[in-house]
């Protein structure tokens, strides 16, 4: 396609616009999935956080059992 419009100033603008549009779509795609990944991490943390105190006590008790 570039061969057809390489001598035209308007063609250069169209090519730059298409490249910018593809760049925006790509960045939007990665940003969306980055936000989804961050949300999954926070959701997993919020699921485990209430049990964290009990899990630490359990780990400490198991460690004490192994040492005595």
N, C-alpha and C. Protein backbone atom coordinates (compact mmCIF):
# COMPACT_ATOMS: atom_id res chain seq x y z
N UNK A 1 0.83 -1.19 0.00
CA UNK A 1 0.00 0.00 0.00
C UNK A 1 0.87 1.25 0.00
N UNK A 2 2.01 1.18 0.66
CA UNK A 2 2.85 2.37 0.73
C UNK A 2 3.36 2.77 -0.65
N UNK A 3 3.58 1.79 -1.51
CA UNK A 3 4.07 2.10 -2.86
C UNK A 3 3.09 2.95 -3.65
N UNK A 4 1.82 2.81 -3.36
CA UNK A 4 0.80 3.57 -4.08
C UNK A 4 0.71 5.01 -3.59
N UNK A 5 1.04 5.28 -2.36
CA UNK A 5 0.84 6.62 -1.79
C UNK A 5 2.15 7.28 -1.36
N UNK A 6 3.29 6.75 -1.75
CA UNK A 6 4.55 7.29 -1.23
C UNK A 6 4.87 8.68 -1.74
N UNK A 7 4.33 9.09 -2.86
CA UNK A 7 4.61 10.42 -3.40
C UNK A 7 3.52 11.43 -3.06
N UNK A 8 2.58 11.06 -2.23
CA UNK A 8 1.46 11.92 -1.92
C UNK A 8 1.52 12.32 -0.45
N UNK A 9 1.41 13.62 -0.16
CA UNK A 9 1.46 14.10 1.22
C UNK A 9 0.26 13.60 2.01
N UNK A 10 -0.89 13.57 1.35
CA UNK A 10 -2.09 13.06 2.02
C UNK A 10 -1.93 11.57 2.32
N UNK A 11 -1.27 10.85 1.45
CA UNK A 11 -1.03 9.42 1.68
C UNK A 11 -0.14 9.20 2.88
N UNK A 12 0.85 10.06 3.06
CA UNK A 12 1.70 9.96 4.26
C UNK A 12 0.89 10.19 5.53
N UNK A 13 -0.02 11.13 5.46
CA UNK A 13 -0.86 11.41 6.62
C UNK A 13 -1.76 10.21 6.92
N UNK A 14 -2.28 9.59 5.88
CA UNK A 14 -3.13 8.41 6.08
C UNK A 14 -2.31 7.28 6.71
N UNK A 15 -1.11 7.04 6.20
CA UNK A 15 -0.27 5.97 6.75
C UNK A 15 0.09 6.26 8.21
N UNK A 16 0.41 7.53 8.52
CA UNK A 16 0.73 7.89 9.90
C UNK A 16 -0.50 7.73 10.79
N UNK A 17 -1.66 8.08 10.27
CA UNK A 17 -2.90 7.90 11.04
C UNK A 17 -3.20 6.44 11.31
N UNK A 18 -2.99 5.59 10.31
CA UNK A 18 -3.22 4.16 10.50
C UNK A 18 -2.24 3.57 11.51
N UNK A 19 -0.98 3.99 11.43
CA UNK A 19 0.02 3.50 12.39
C UNK A 19 -0.33 3.96 13.81
N UNK A 20 -0.76 5.21 13.94
CA UNK A 20 -1.14 5.72 15.26
C UNK A 20 -2.36 4.99 15.79
N UNK A 21 -3.32 4.72 14.93
CA UNK A 21 -4.53 4.00 15.34
C UNK A 21 -4.16 2.59 15.82
N UNK A 22 -3.31 1.89 15.10
CA UNK A 22 -2.89 0.55 15.52
C UNK A 22 -2.13 0.60 16.84
N UNK A 23 -1.30 1.62 17.01
CA UNK A 23 -0.56 1.78 18.26
C UNK A 23 -1.51 2.01 19.43
N UNK A 24 -2.54 2.83 19.23
CA UNK A 24 -3.52 3.09 20.29
C UNK A 24 -4.31 1.82 20.63
N UNK A 25 -4.71 1.08 19.61
CA UNK A 25 -5.45 -0.16 19.86
C UNK A 25 -4.58 -1.14 20.64
N UNK A 26 -3.32 -1.27 20.26
CA UNK A 26 -2.41 -2.20 20.95
C UNK A 26 -2.21 -1.78 22.40
N UNK A 27 -1.98 -0.51 22.65
CA UNK A 27 -1.78 -0.05 24.02
C UNK A 27 -3.05 -0.19 24.85
N UNK A 28 -4.20 0.03 24.25
CA UNK A 28 -5.46 -0.15 24.97
C UNK A 28 -5.64 -1.62 25.35
N UNK A 29 -5.30 -2.50 24.44
CA UNK A 29 -5.40 -3.94 24.70
C UNK A 29 -4.51 -4.34 25.87
N UNK A 30 -3.26 -3.91 25.86
CA UNK A 30 -2.34 -4.27 26.94
C UNK A 30 -2.74 -3.60 28.25
N UNK A 31 -3.23 -2.39 28.21
CA UNK A 31 -3.67 -1.71 29.43
C UNK A 31 -4.86 -2.43 30.04
N UNK A 32 -5.82 -2.84 29.21
CA UNK A 32 -6.99 -3.56 29.71
C UNK A 32 -6.58 -4.85 30.41
N UNK A 33 -5.73 -5.65 29.77
CA UNK A 33 -5.34 -6.90 30.40
C UNK A 33 -4.41 -6.69 31.59
N UNK A 34 -3.67 -5.58 31.61
CA UNK A 34 -2.89 -5.25 32.79
C UNK A 34 -3.77 -4.93 33.98
N UNK A 35 -4.86 -4.21 33.73
CA UNK A 35 -5.81 -3.89 34.80
C UNK A 35 -6.51 -5.16 35.28
N UNK A 36 -6.87 -6.04 34.35
CA UNK A 36 -7.52 -7.30 34.72
C UNK A 36 -6.57 -8.15 35.58
N UNK A 37 -5.29 -8.21 35.21
CA UNK A 37 -4.32 -8.96 35.99
C UNK A 37 -4.17 -8.37 37.40
N UNK A 38 -4.09 -7.05 37.49
CA UNK A 38 -3.97 -6.39 38.79
C UNK A 38 -5.20 -6.68 39.65
N UNK A 39 -6.37 -6.65 39.04
CA UNK A 39 -7.60 -6.94 39.79
C UNK A 39 -7.60 -8.38 40.30
N UNK A 40 -7.09 -9.30 39.50
CA UNK A 40 -7.03 -10.70 39.94
C UNK A 40 -6.08 -10.86 41.11
N UNK A 41 -4.97 -10.16 41.09
CA UNK A 41 -4.01 -10.23 42.20
C UNK A 41 -4.63 -9.68 43.47
N UNK A 42 -5.30 -8.51 43.37
CA UNK A 42 -5.94 -7.93 44.55
C UNK A 42 -7.06 -8.82 45.07
N UNK A 43 -7.82 -9.44 44.17
CA UNK A 43 -8.90 -10.32 44.58
C UNK A 43 -8.36 -11.54 45.33
N UNK A 44 -7.27 -12.10 44.85
CA UNK A 44 -6.67 -13.24 45.53
C UNK A 44 -6.15 -12.84 46.90
N UNK A 45 -5.56 -11.64 46.99
CA UNK A 45 -5.06 -11.15 48.28
C UNK A 45 -6.21 -10.94 49.26
N UNK A 46 -7.31 -10.35 48.79
CA UNK A 46 -8.45 -10.12 49.67
C UNK A 46 -9.09 -11.43 50.12
N UNK A 47 -8.98 -12.46 49.32
CA UNK A 47 -9.54 -13.77 49.69
C UNK A 47 -8.71 -14.43 50.79
N UNK A 48 -7.40 -14.26 50.74
CA UNK A 48 -6.51 -14.94 51.69
C UNK A 48 -6.28 -14.11 52.95
N UNK A 49 -6.40 -12.79 52.87
CA UNK A 49 -6.03 -11.91 53.99
C UNK A 49 -6.76 -12.24 55.30
N UNK A 50 -8.08 -12.50 55.30
CA UNK A 50 -8.72 -12.81 56.60
C UNK A 50 -8.17 -14.09 57.24
N UNK A 51 -7.69 -15.02 56.46
CA UNK A 51 -7.16 -16.28 56.99
C UNK A 51 -5.68 -16.19 57.32
N UNK A 52 -5.06 -15.07 57.04
CA UNK A 52 -3.61 -14.95 57.16
C UNK A 52 -3.13 -15.12 58.60
N UNK A 53 -3.86 -14.59 59.56
CA UNK A 53 -3.45 -14.70 60.97
C UNK A 53 -3.44 -16.17 61.39
N UNK A 54 -4.50 -16.89 61.03
CA UNK A 54 -4.57 -18.32 61.39
C UNK A 54 -3.49 -19.12 60.68
N UNK A 55 -3.21 -18.79 59.45
CA UNK A 55 -2.17 -19.51 58.73
C UNK A 55 -0.79 -19.26 59.32
N UNK A 56 -0.53 -18.03 59.79
CA UNK A 56 0.77 -17.76 60.41
C UNK A 56 0.92 -18.51 61.73
N UNK A 57 -0.17 -18.53 62.53
CA UNK A 57 -0.10 -19.29 63.78
C UNK A 57 0.12 -20.78 63.51
N UNK A 58 -0.54 -21.29 62.48
CA UNK A 58 -0.40 -22.70 62.12
C UNK A 58 1.03 -23.00 61.67
N UNK A 59 1.62 -22.09 60.90
CA UNK A 59 3.00 -22.29 60.44
C UNK A 59 3.97 -22.22 61.61
N UNK A 60 3.73 -21.29 62.55
CA UNK A 60 4.61 -21.20 63.72
C UNK A 60 4.49 -22.45 64.58
N UNK A 61 3.28 -22.96 64.75
CA UNK A 61 3.09 -24.17 65.56
C UNK A 61 3.77 -25.36 64.89
N UNK A 62 3.65 -25.47 63.59
CA UNK A 62 4.31 -26.57 62.88
C UNK A 62 5.83 -26.44 63.01
N UNK A 63 6.35 -25.22 62.94
CA UNK A 63 7.79 -25.00 63.07
C UNK A 63 8.25 -25.39 64.48
N UNK A 64 7.46 -25.04 65.51
CA UNK A 64 7.82 -25.40 66.89
C UNK A 64 7.78 -26.91 67.08
N UNK A 65 6.80 -27.59 66.45
CA UNK A 65 6.73 -29.05 66.55
C UNK A 65 7.96 -29.71 65.96
N UNK A 66 8.44 -29.17 64.83
CA UNK A 66 9.60 -29.76 64.17
C UNK A 66 10.87 -29.56 64.99
N UNK A 67 10.93 -28.49 65.75
CA UNK A 67 12.16 -28.20 66.49
C UNK A 67 12.22 -28.88 67.86
N UNK A 68 11.09 -29.32 68.39
CA UNK A 68 11.11 -29.93 69.74
C UNK A 68 10.76 -31.37 69.70
